[in-house]
């Protein structure tokens, strides 16, 4: 049986935390902009830190496991 938990969590977080797709923190004109499909270097760094924190919490602290097979 394969553990698909880390793969599933990583893909979902990557899609949700892509800068400019759902939201961008910091935005160009405001602190948070929603659905603008633009990005900046600062937004990439902030989203990378948020991604790392969330994936660490889900995989290490909570221990998400999805077994298929």
Protein backbone atom coordinates (compact mmCIF):
# COMPACT_ATOMS: atom_id res chain seq x y z
CA UNK A 1 0.00 0.00 0.00
CA UNK A 2 1.26 3.42 -0.93
CA UNK A 3 0.92 6.45 1.31
CA UNK A 4 -0.54 9.22 -0.86
CA UNK A 5 -1.09 11.69 1.99
CA UNK A 6 2.05 13.81 1.47
CA UNK A 7 1.51 13.94 -2.30
CA UNK A 8 -2.13 14.93 -1.95
CA UNK A 9 -1.43 17.59 0.68
CA UNK A 10 1.47 19.05 -1.33
CA UNK A 11 -0.55 19.30 -4.56
CA UNK A 12 -3.60 20.86 -2.90
CA UNK A 13 -1.51 23.41 -1.00
CA UNK A 14 0.51 24.24 -4.12
CA UNK A 15 -2.64 24.97 -6.11
CA UNK A 16 -4.32 26.95 -3.32
CA UNK A 17 -1.22 28.97 -2.42
CA UNK A 18 -0.12 29.93 -5.94
CA UNK A 19 0.35 33.72 -5.74
CA UNK A 20 -2.37 35.54 -7.64
CA UNK A 21 -4.64 32.55 -8.26
CA UNK A 22 -6.96 32.86 -5.26
CA UNK A 23 -5.23 35.65 -3.37
CA UNK A 24 -1.95 37.54 -3.28
CA UNK A 25 -0.26 38.65 -0.09
CA UNK A 26 1.16 41.41 -0.33
CA UNK A 27 -0.74 42.79 -3.28
CA UNK A 28 0.24 45.57 -5.67
CA UNK A 29 -2.33 48.12 -4.47
CA UNK A 30 -3.59 46.61 -1.19
CA UNK A 31 -2.31 44.28 1.48
CA UNK A 32 -4.37 41.36 0.12
CA UNK A 33 -5.71 41.16 -3.43
CA UNK A 34 -8.01 38.42 -4.65
CA UNK A 35 -7.87 36.77 -8.08
CA UNK A 36 -5.66 39.32 -9.83
CA UNK A 37 -3.44 36.72 -11.62
CA UNK A 38 -0.35 38.91 -11.10
CA UNK A 39 2.57 38.31 -8.79
CA UNK A 40 5.69 39.92 -7.38
CA UNK A 41 8.87 38.73 -5.74
CA UNK A 42 7.62 39.61 -2.28
CA UNK A 43 4.39 37.66 -2.86
CA UNK A 44 6.36 34.59 -3.97
CA UNK A 45 8.47 34.69 -0.78
CA UNK A 46 5.43 35.18 1.49
CA UNK A 47 3.50 32.36 -0.20
CA UNK A 48 6.54 30.06 -0.01
CA UNK A 49 6.82 30.65 3.74
CA UNK A 50 3.08 30.02 4.21
CA UNK A 51 3.35 26.85 2.07
CA UNK A 52 6.30 25.56 4.10
CA UNK A 53 4.52 26.25 7.39
CA UNK A 54 1.28 24.56 6.27
CA UNK A 55 2.98 21.49 4.78
CA UNK A 56 5.08 21.09 7.92
CA UNK A 57 1.99 21.24 10.12
CA UNK A 58 -0.01 18.80 7.98
CA UNK A 59 2.75 16.25 7.39
CA UNK A 60 4.88 16.38 10.53
CA UNK A 61 2.61 17.59 13.34
CA UNK A 62 -0.72 16.09 12.27
CA UNK A 63 0.63 13.23 10.16
CA UNK A 64 -1.83 13.06 7.28
CA UNK A 65 -1.93 9.58 5.69
CA UNK A 66 -4.00 8.40 2.73
CA UNK A 67 -3.50 4.75 1.80
CA UNK A 68 -4.49 3.48 -1.62
CA UNK A 69 -4.23 0.14 -2.93
